[in-house]
Amino acid sequence: MPDKELTCRDCGATFTFTEGEQEFYASKNLSEPQRCKECRAANKAQRQGSRELHDAVCAKCGAQCQVPFKPRPVEEGGKPVLCRECFMAERQ
């Protein structure tokens, strides 16, 4: 498979869809990218930046933290909320 030149649907720039990328996309049954790497990165950053954060208190250490979901009290069927540090420590 030779490299392909594609046109970004957002900015109109031409970008190279390399042979290696084509093989990877084919192995995952993905269609060709429609955006250049820069526009994909900008789109991803915009989606992540718009994520609403909610205030919470860590159930393990008691620290104030923010989480990307609306926490429910344990008494109402919610799960204990952990700050990032406690969450990462439990994952190990």
Protein backbone atom coordinates (compact mmCIF):
# COMPACT_ATOMS: atom_id res chain seq x y z
CA MET A 1 0.00 0.00 0.00
CA PRO A 2 1.54 3.31 -1.00
CA ASP A 3 1.05 6.42 1.13
CA LYS A 4 -2.15 8.37 0.34
CA GLU A 5 -2.67 12.11 0.27
CA LEU A 6 -5.99 13.04 1.90
CA THR A 7 -7.74 16.39 2.35
CA CYS A 8 -8.85 17.49 5.82
CA ARG A 9 -12.59 18.18 5.93
CA ASP A 10 -12.11 20.94 8.55
CA CYS A 11 -9.15 23.02 7.36
CA GLY A 12 -8.77 21.78 3.77
CA ALA A 13 -5.08 20.98 4.21
CA THR A 14 -3.57 17.96 2.51
CA PHE A 15 -2.10 15.34 4.84
CA THR A 16 -0.36 12.00 4.33
CA PHE A 17 -2.09 8.78 5.34
CA THR A 18 0.98 6.55 5.61
CA GLU A 19 1.19 2.90 4.73
CA GLY A 20 1.59 1.99 8.41
CA GLU A 21 -1.46 4.05 9.38
CA GLN A 22 -3.47 2.40 6.61
CA GLU A 23 -2.52 -1.05 7.91
CA PHE A 24 -3.45 -0.08 11.47
CA TYR A 25 -6.82 1.38 10.40
CA ALA A 26 -7.54 -1.72 8.29
CA SER A 27 -6.67 -4.07 11.20
CA LYS A 28 -9.21 -2.21 13.40
CA ASN A 29 -11.85 -2.01 10.62
CA LEU A 30 -11.72 1.79 10.71
CA SER A 31 -12.46 4.07 7.77
CA GLU A 32 -9.87 6.56 6.51
CA PRO A 33 -9.41 9.66 8.69
CA GLN A 34 -11.27 12.73 7.50
CA ARG A 35 -9.26 15.25 9.53
CA CYS A 36 -5.53 16.00 9.69
CA LYS A 37 -3.68 15.26 12.94
CA GLU A 38 -3.80 18.91 14.02
CA CYS A 39 -7.59 19.18 13.57
CA ARG A 40 -8.13 15.82 15.29
CA ALA A 41 -6.05 17.00 18.26
CA ALA A 42 -7.92 20.34 18.40
CA ASN A 43 -11.28 18.56 18.22
CA LYS A 44 -10.28 16.17 21.02
CA ALA A 45 -9.01 19.03 23.22
CA GLN A 46 -12.26 20.92 22.69
CA ARG A 47 -14.34 17.88 23.68
CA GLN A 48 -12.26 17.29 26.80
CA GLY A 49 -12.20 20.96 27.74
CA SER A 50 -15.98 21.14 27.75
CA ARG A 51 -16.30 18.37 30.32
CA GLU A 52 -18.20 19.58 33.36
CA LEU A 53 -16.55 18.87 36.70
CA HIS A 54 -18.38 18.44 40.02
CA ASP A 55 -17.09 19.12 43.53
CA ALA A 56 -16.68 16.10 45.81
CA VAL A 57 -14.92 14.94 48.96
CA CYS A 58 -12.59 11.93 48.79
CA ALA A 59 -14.00 9.03 50.81
CA LYS A 60 -10.51 7.82 51.69
CA CYS A 61 -8.48 10.91 52.64
CA GLY A 62 -11.20 13.58 52.97
CA ALA A 63 -9.59 15.95 50.46
CA GLN A 64 -11.71 18.27 48.31
CA CYS A 65 -11.61 17.18 44.66
CA GLN A 66 -13.45 17.44 41.36
CA VAL A 67 -14.81 14.54 39.34
CA PRO A 68 -16.27 14.35 35.79
CA PHE A 69 -19.59 12.90 37.05
CA LYS A 70 -22.24 14.04 39.49
CA PRO A 71 -21.56 12.07 42.68
CA ARG A 72 -24.50 10.55 44.57
CA PRO A 73 -24.45 9.99 48.31
CA VAL A 74 -23.63 6.42 49.35
CA GLU A 75 -26.92 6.32 51.25
CA GLU A 76 -28.74 6.82 47.92
CA GLY A 77 -26.90 4.01 46.14
CA GLY A 78 -23.88 6.02 45.06
CA LYS A 79 -20.33 4.74 45.25
CA PRO A 80 -17.55 6.30 47.33
CA VAL A 81 -15.67 9.02 45.44
CA LEU A 82 -11.87 9.03 45.49
CA CYS A 83 -9.51 11.90 44.69
CA ARG A 84 -7.05 11.28 41.86
CA GLU A 85 -4.21 10.32 44.22
CA CYS A 86 -6.27 7.79 46.18
CA PHE A 87 -7.81 6.42 42.97
CA MET A 88 -4.38 5.89 41.39
CA ALA A 89 -3.06 4.29 44.61
CA GLU A 90 -5.94 1.79 44.62
CA ARG A 91 -5.37 0.87 40.97
CA GLN A 92 -1.82 -0.33 41.69
